Protein backbone atom coordinates (compact mmCIF):
# COMPACT_ATOMS: atom_id res chain seq x y z
CA UNK A 1 -13.23 -31.03 -14.35
CA UNK A 2 -10.41 -28.07 -15.78
CA UNK A 3 -11.65 -26.72 -19.04
CA UNK A 4 -9.85 -28.25 -21.80
CA UNK A 5 -9.53 -24.74 -23.82
CA UNK A 6 -7.20 -24.01 -20.69
CA UNK A 7 -4.64 -26.69 -21.89
CA UNK A 8 -3.02 -24.50 -24.68
CA UNK A 9 -2.46 -21.67 -22.33
CA UNK A 10 -0.79 -23.77 -19.62
CA UNK A 11 1.05 -25.48 -22.22
CA UNK A 12 2.34 -22.10 -23.62
CA UNK A 13 2.97 -21.03 -19.98
CA UNK A 14 5.20 -23.91 -19.07
CA UNK A 15 7.44 -23.59 -22.31
CA UNK A 16 7.71 -19.83 -21.27
CA UNK A 17 9.97 -21.42 -18.29
CA UNK A 18 12.22 -22.97 -20.66
CA UNK A 19 10.72 -26.57 -19.85
CA UNK A 20 10.87 -28.81 -22.75
CA UNK A 21 8.87 -32.09 -22.32
CA UNK A 22 7.57 -35.21 -23.71
CA UNK A 23 4.40 -35.41 -21.25
CA UNK A 24 2.55 -32.60 -20.09
CA UNK A 25 -0.42 -33.54 -17.76
CA UNK A 26 -3.12 -31.40 -16.03
CA UNK A 27 -4.86 -32.75 -12.80
CA UNK A 28 -8.83 -32.80 -13.52
CA UNK A 29 -9.54 -30.16 -10.70
CA UNK A 30 -8.58 -26.35 -10.45
CA UNK A 31 -6.52 -25.71 -7.31
CA UNK A 32 -8.72 -22.54 -6.96
CA UNK A 33 -11.87 -23.39 -5.12
CA UNK A 34 -13.02 -19.89 -4.08
CA UNK A 35 -12.29 -16.30 -4.37
CA UNK A 36 -12.71 -13.36 -6.56
CA UNK A 37 -9.27 -13.07 -8.07
CA UNK A 38 -9.88 -15.02 -11.63
CA UNK A 39 -6.76 -16.95 -11.61
CA UNK A 40 -6.26 -20.17 -13.23
CA UNK A 41 -4.44 -22.53 -10.71
CA UNK A 42 -3.65 -26.23 -11.28
CA UNK A 43 -1.45 -28.88 -10.50
CA UNK A 44 0.30 -30.34 -13.65
CA UNK A 45 3.00 -33.03 -14.18
CA UNK A 46 5.70 -32.24 -16.77
CA UNK A 47 7.62 -35.71 -17.55
CA UNK A 48 6.47 -37.10 -13.98
CA UNK A 49 7.76 -34.39 -12.08
CA UNK A 50 4.63 -32.29 -10.33
CA UNK A 51 4.18 -28.45 -10.22
CA UNK A 52 1.74 -25.82 -9.27
CA UNK A 53 1.06 -23.45 -11.94
CA UNK A 54 -0.96 -20.28 -11.42
CA UNK A 55 -1.50 -18.05 -14.26
CA UNK A 56 -3.25 -14.55 -13.00
CA UNK A 57 -5.26 -12.33 -15.35
CA UNK A 58 -4.43 -8.36 -15.90
CA UNK A 59 -7.06 -7.19 -14.26
CA UNK A 60 -7.19 -9.34 -10.63
CA UNK A 61 -10.23 -8.72 -8.50
CA UNK A 62 -11.86 -7.17 -11.44
CA UNK A 63 -15.15 -6.95 -9.83
CA UNK A 64 -14.13 -6.54 -6.18
CA UNK A 65 -12.69 -3.78 -4.08
CA UNK A 66 -9.75 -5.95 -2.93
CA UNK A 67 -6.32 -5.03 -3.95
CA UNK A 68 -5.10 -5.81 -7.20
CA UNK A 69 -1.44 -7.27 -8.33
CA UNK A 70 0.97 -5.13 -10.24
CA UNK A 71 4.33 -6.65 -11.94
CA UNK A 72 6.21 -4.73 -9.48
CA UNK A 73 4.43 -6.12 -6.35
CA UNK A 74 4.64 -9.45 -7.78
CA UNK A 75 8.17 -9.15 -8.03
CA UNK A 76 8.75 -8.21 -4.58
CA UNK A 77 6.56 -10.85 -3.45
CA UNK A 78 8.43 -13.76 -5.14
CA UNK A 79 11.74 -12.14 -3.95
CA UNK A 80 10.44 -12.26 -0.55
CA UNK A 81 9.20 -15.77 -0.75
CA UNK A 82 13.06 -16.68 -1.88
CA UNK A 83 13.96 -15.02 1.15
CA UNK A 84 12.07 -16.83 3.51
CA UNK A 85 13.35 -20.09 1.89
CA UNK A 86 16.70 -18.95 2.41
CA UNK A 87 16.16 -18.39 6.03
CA UNK A 88 14.80 -21.80 6.81
CA UNK A 89 10.88 -21.41 6.19
CA UNK A 90 9.30 -24.20 4.20
CA UNK A 91 7.88 -21.83 1.28
CA UNK A 92 7.05 -23.22 -2.03
CA UNK A 93 9.89 -23.18 -4.24
CA UNK A 94 9.53 -21.01 -7.54
CA UNK A 95 10.79 -22.29 -10.94
CA UNK A 96 13.31 -19.60 -12.59
CA UNK A 97 12.27 -18.54 -15.82
CA UNK A 98 14.99 -18.66 -18.79
CA UNK A 99 15.34 -14.82 -18.62
CA UNK A 100 16.47 -12.80 -15.53
CA UNK A 101 12.71 -12.30 -14.40
CA UNK A 102 10.80 -13.86 -11.65
CA UNK A 103 7.59 -14.74 -13.96
CA UNK A 104 6.49 -15.03 -17.44
CA UNK A 105 3.55 -13.68 -19.25
CA UNK A 106 1.66 -15.59 -21.84
CA UNK A 107 -1.26 -14.71 -24.23
CA UNK A 108 -4.46 -16.58 -24.77
CA UNK A 109 -6.42 -16.77 -28.11
CA UNK A 110 -8.55 -13.90 -27.13
CA UNK A 111 -5.52 -11.81 -26.56
CA UNK A 112 -5.82 -11.67 -22.93
CA UNK A 113 -2.48 -11.68 -21.19
CA UNK A 114 -1.52 -14.00 -17.99
CA UNK A 115 1.11 -13.80 -15.82
CA UNK A 116 2.70 -17.04 -15.23
CA UNK A 117 4.05 -18.26 -11.79
CA UNK A 118 5.46 -21.88 -11.85
CA UNK A 119 6.42 -23.75 -8.41
CA UNK A 120 7.49 -27.17 -7.58
CA UNK A 121 4.89 -29.35 -5.97
CA UNK A 122 4.51 -29.74 -2.11
CA UNK A 123 3.09 -32.66 -0.81
CA UNK A 124 1.13 -32.75 2.61
CA UNK A 125 -2.30 -32.39 4.02
CA UNK A 126 -4.54 -29.42 5.26
CA UNK A 127 -5.41 -29.15 8.98
CA UNK A 128 -8.68 -27.44 9.47
CA UNK A 129 -9.75 -28.55 12.85
CA UNK A 130 -7.24 -27.31 15.06
CA UNK A 131 -5.80 -28.80 18.00
CA UNK A 132 -3.47 -27.39 20.77
CA UNK A 133 -0.37 -28.71 18.85
CA UNK A 134 -1.44 -26.98 15.55
CA UNK A 135 -2.10 -23.63 17.28
CA UNK A 136 1.32 -23.63 19.01
CA UNK A 137 2.89 -24.68 15.85
CA UNK A 138 1.29 -21.65 13.79
CA UNK A 139 2.17 -19.31 16.90
CA UNK A 140 5.62 -20.54 16.62
CA UNK A 141 5.76 -20.16 12.99
CA UNK A 142 4.08 -16.64 12.82
CA UNK A 143 6.40 -15.13 15.19
CA UNK A 144 9.46 -16.43 13.12
CA UNK A 145 8.04 -14.99 9.79
CA UNK A 146 7.39 -11.58 11.33
CA UNK A 147 10.83 -11.44 13.16
CA UNK A 148 12.36 -12.34 9.84
CA UNK A 149 10.79 -9.57 7.94
CA UNK A 150 12.00 -6.94 10.48
CA UNK A 151 15.40 -7.93 9.27
CA UNK A 152 14.50 -7.87 5.35
CA UNK A 153 16.36 -5.10 3.85
CA UNK A 154 14.47 -4.52 0.62
CA UNK A 155 11.21 -3.67 2.23
CA UNK A 156 9.10 -2.06 -0.56
CA UNK A 157 5.74 -3.19 0.41
CA UNK A 158 2.77 -0.79 0.70
CA UNK A 159 1.49 -1.14 4.29
CA UNK A 160 -2.18 -2.60 4.23
CA UNK A 161 -4.50 -0.75 7.03
CA UNK A 162 -7.52 -3.37 7.21
CA UNK A 163 -9.47 -0.72 8.72
CA UNK A 164 -9.82 1.10 5.43
CA UNK A 165 -11.56 -1.68 3.93
CA UNK A 166 -13.89 -1.97 7.06
CA UNK A 167 -14.64 1.96 6.97
CA UNK A 168 -15.53 1.49 3.32
CA UNK A 169 -17.95 -1.60 4.08
CA UNK A 170 -19.49 0.27 6.55
CA UNK A 171 -20.46 3.06 4.38
CA UNK A 172 -21.62 0.69 1.84
CA UNK A 173 -23.82 -0.93 4.25
CA UNK A 174 -25.09 2.45 5.52
CA UNK A 175 -26.27 3.38 2.04
CA UNK A 176 -28.42 0.35 1.81
CA UNK A 177 -32.43 1.09 2.21
CA UNK A 178 -34.02 -0.13 5.29
CA UNK A 179 -37.10 2.02 5.24
CA UNK A 180 -39.13 -1.07 4.54
CA UNK A 181 -37.76 -3.11 7.41
CA UNK A 182 -39.74 -4.45 10.33
CA UNK A 183 -38.70 -2.34 13.23
CA UNK A 184 -37.19 -5.39 15.16
CA UNK A 185 -35.06 -6.33 12.27
CA UNK A 186 -33.84 -2.37 11.49
CA UNK A 187 -33.19 -2.18 15.12
CA UNK A 188 -31.09 -5.21 14.86
CA UNK A 189 -29.40 -3.75 11.99
CA UNK A 190 -28.50 -0.28 13.33
CA UNK A 191 -27.28 -2.05 16.50
CA UNK A 192 -25.06 -4.03 14.43
CA UNK A 193 -23.76 -1.37 12.52
CA UNK A 194 -23.20 0.81 15.64
CA UNK A 195 -21.03 -2.11 17.24
CA UNK A 196 -18.97 -2.22 13.82
CA UNK A 197 -18.30 1.41 14.13
CA UNK A 198 -17.14 1.08 17.49
CA UNK A 199 -14.86 -1.72 16.64
CA UNK A 200 -13.26 0.20 13.71
CA UNK A 201 -12.73 3.29 15.75
CA UNK A 202 -10.73 1.36 18.36
CA UNK A 203 -8.89 -0.49 15.48
CA UNK A 204 -7.66 2.11 13.47
CA UNK A 205 -5.75 3.73 16.37
CA UNK A 206 -2.27 2.36 16.48
CA UNK A 207 0.16 2.70 19.05
CA UNK A 208 4.07 3.47 18.38
CA UNK A 209 5.27 0.09 18.16
CA UNK A 210 2.13 -1.24 16.00
CA UNK A 211 3.22 1.24 13.45
CA UNK A 212 6.07 -0.97 12.73
CA UNK A 213 5.44 -2.95 9.57
CA UNK A 214 6.06 -6.79 9.24
CA UNK A 215 5.71 -8.74 6.25
CA UNK A 216 3.05 -11.39 6.00
CA UNK A 217 1.09 -13.59 3.61
CA UNK A 218 -2.41 -15.31 3.74
CA UNK A 219 -1.62 -17.96 6.72
CA UNK A 220 -5.26 -19.29 6.64
CA UNK A 221 -5.39 -22.99 6.86
CA UNK A 222 -5.68 -23.93 3.01
CA UNK A 223 -2.34 -22.27 2.58
CA UNK A 224 -0.52 -24.72 5.22
CA UNK A 225 0.83 -28.11 4.31
CA UNK A 226 1.30 -30.49 7.23
CA UNK A 227 2.93 -33.97 6.93
CA UNK A 228 1.76 -37.38 8.97
CA UNK A 229 3.76 -36.48 11.92
CA UNK A 230 1.69 -33.18 12.36
CA UNK A 231 4.59 -31.00 11.27
CA UNK A 232 4.52 -27.79 8.68
CA UNK A 233 5.96 -28.76 5.69
CA UNK A 234 4.79 -25.98 3.32
CA UNK A 235 3.37 -22.73 3.00
CA UNK A 236 1.77 -22.46 -0.53
CA UNK A 237 0.43 -18.72 -1.20
CA UNK A 238 2.35 -15.81 -2.29
CA UNK A 239 -0.05 -13.49 -3.52
CA UNK A 240 -1.15 -11.72 -0.37
CA UNK A 241 2.64 -11.11 0.66
CA UNK A 242 2.38 -7.54 2.07
CA UNK A 243 3.18 -5.37 4.82
CA UNK A 244 0.82 -5.30 7.75
CA UNK A 245 1.42 -4.90 11.58
CA UNK A 246 1.78 -7.67 14.28
CA UNK A 247 -1.74 -6.86 15.74
CA UNK A 248 -3.80 -6.84 12.45
CA UNK A 249 -1.85 -10.23 11.51
CA UNK A 250 -2.40 -12.02 14.97
CA UNK A 251 -6.07 -11.07 14.60
CA UNK A 252 -6.65 -13.27 11.71
CA UNK A 253 -4.70 -15.91 13.06
CA UNK A 254 -6.60 -16.40 16.21
CA UNK A 255 -9.51 -16.30 14.14
CA UNK A 256 -8.60 -19.07 12.09
CA UNK A 257 -6.52 -21.30 14.31
CA UNK A 258 -9.01 -20.96 17.50
CA UNK A 259 -11.51 -22.96 15.24
CA UNK A 260 -11.92 -26.65 16.87
CA UNK A 261 -13.87 -27.72 13.87
CA UNK A 262 -13.72 -26.94 9.86
CA UNK A 263 -12.53 -23.73 8.31
CA UNK A 264 -16.29 -22.88 7.84
CA UNK A 265 -17.20 -23.53 11.48
CA UNK A 266 -17.88 -20.83 14.17
CA UNK A 267 -16.60 -22.78 17.02
CA UNK A 268 -13.70 -21.57 18.72
CA UNK A 269 -11.52 -22.10 22.00
CA UNK A 270 -10.05 -19.75 24.15
CA UNK A 271 -7.59 -22.79 24.90
CA UNK A 272 -6.42 -22.43 21.27
CA UNK A 273 -6.02 -19.09 21.03
CA UNK A 274 -3.82 -18.88 24.44
CA UNK A 275 -1.82 -21.44 22.75
CA UNK A 276 -0.88 -19.56 19.63
CA UNK A 277 -0.29 -16.50 21.50
CA UNK A 278 1.89 -18.25 24.09
CA UNK A 279 4.19 -19.86 21.14
CA UNK A 280 4.01 -16.47 19.38
CA UNK A 281 5.50 -15.26 22.76
CA UNK A 282 3.01 -12.25 22.54
CA UNK A 283 4.13 -10.35 25.80
CA UNK A 284 7.61 -9.73 24.45
CA UNK A 285 6.29 -7.78 21.41
CA UNK A 286 2.84 -6.40 22.35
CA UNK A 287 1.99 -4.06 25.05
CA UNK A 288 -1.26 -3.80 27.12
CA UNK A 289 -2.62 -0.92 24.88
CA UNK A 290 -2.54 -3.49 22.26
CA UNK A 291 -5.27 -5.68 23.70
CA UNK A 292 -8.25 -3.40 22.76
CA UNK A 293 -7.04 -3.18 19.33
CA UNK A 294 -6.24 -6.86 18.89
CA UNK A 295 -10.01 -7.60 20.33
CA UNK A 296 -11.66 -5.06 18.12
CA UNK A 297 -9.87 -6.37 14.87
CA UNK A 298 -10.50 -9.88 15.88
CA UNK A 299 -14.02 -9.13 15.94
CA UNK A 300 -13.80 -7.37 12.62
CA UNK A 301 -12.03 -10.24 10.93
CA UNK A 302 -14.83 -12.57 11.89
CA UNK A 303 -18.05 -10.51 11.76
CA UNK A 304 -17.46 -7.82 9.76
CA UNK A 305 -15.21 -9.31 6.74
CA UNK A 306 -16.14 -9.22 3.08
CA UNK A 307 -18.23 -12.39 3.21
CA UNK A 308 -20.49 -10.84 6.05
CA UNK A 309 -20.92 -7.76 4.03
CA UNK A 310 -21.62 -9.41 0.58
CA UNK A 311 -23.98 -12.09 2.51
CA UNK A 312 -25.72 -8.84 4.47
CA UNK A 313 -26.22 -7.19 1.09
CA UNK A 314 -27.58 -10.17 -0.50
CA UNK A 315 -30.06 -11.03 2.13
CA UNK A 316 -31.36 -7.55 2.63
CA UNK A 317 -32.07 -7.19 -1.31
CA UNK A 318 -33.87 -10.72 -1.45
CA UNK A 319 -35.80 -9.53 1.76
CA UNK A 320 -36.80 -6.17 0.01
CA UNK A 321 -38.57 -8.68 -2.62
CA UNK A 322 -40.02 -11.30 -0.12
CA UNK A 323 -40.50 -9.94 3.16
CA UNK A 324 -40.93 -13.38 4.78
CA UNK A 325 -37.25 -13.21 4.26
CA UNK A 326 -36.71 -10.60 7.19
CA UNK A 327 -36.73 -13.50 9.55
CA UNK A 328 -33.58 -14.75 7.59
CA UNK A 329 -31.93 -11.28 7.70
CA UNK A 330 -32.67 -11.12 11.85
CA UNK A 331 -31.12 -14.66 12.47
CA UNK A 332 -28.13 -13.51 10.16
CA UNK A 333 -27.32 -10.67 12.40
CA UNK A 334 -27.83 -12.84 15.61
CA UNK A 335 -25.65 -15.20 14.34
CA UNK A 336 -22.80 -12.98 13.62
CA UNK A 337 -23.36 -11.09 17.06
CA UNK A 338 -22.91 -14.34 19.07
CA UNK A 339 -19.95 -15.18 17.05
CA UNK A 340 -18.33 -11.39 17.68
CA UNK A 341 -18.99 -12.45 21.51
CA UNK A 342 -17.18 -15.79 21.14
CA UNK A 343 -14.42 -13.96 19.21
CA UNK A 344 -13.72 -11.52 21.79
CA UNK A 345 -14.11 -13.86 24.41
CA UNK A 346 -11.05 -15.74 23.19
CA UNK A 347 -8.63 -12.89 24.81
CA UNK A 348 -10.44 -12.85 28.26
């Protein structure tokens, strides 16, 4: 259930868009199911019409090393979402505030300011257990998104190099104390760090084509909406729109859409990965030198992401208090080592 104390803030936010109403209802469950951004995200009904409302705190990701939103960046992200819609991409449609800006700002009783984005609601369902059809659809749409971004005139996004975060997390794990570990666990940990270092070293070297940025967003399964005919009818995420390169983005897409079961599953299929790449038409934009980098970025996306780093840190701290938990840490490394083999095997 959403906190009832949020209702006055939501009401104030709606009015900041110049929307007068007789009835305002808030769906009982928040649309934010995970994450560290601190947003308040709800489905609301205004006089029977449905909307998605997102309230962003001043300090997003306050306790994380992840990127923070700024008004200038948010402006560019929303402008780009308008551009996508104008070019036939089914991105969610924002509601225009009464002034010339693209979003509004409201303040709660404690004095905290919230940036408000309001979008028309999009109906559809999520597909998290992928098929050849869904992987192909994602590949086709991803190519459209990347190619459209190359023609975007107002390219003001800072380039995001994912290896910067991977290198930071690598050093964070190196700093953890493992002197009390059993030798077998310590060896597994050091071997895993060595493997991560090798992949980071390969991933950070981009060729001349890969350095050409494209604009992308967070295209994971929970940000796509499908209709009953298994057609993509909506993309519902805006706050991760930014500049990357094709190879970095494809690594994440393969990790997500090669999954044969749920979004939490490690089970992946080479057939799905090949379907996505074939419908992306990757040979027309990637060169052979990209293959090794794509494989390393794919490994890092699945085996050295923030979830892995936080889980590793937690297990090491717990094992330091209870030595019997070193078995769980050993299993953790083995699980992700096998996952890495499956992921890089998708490209063979």
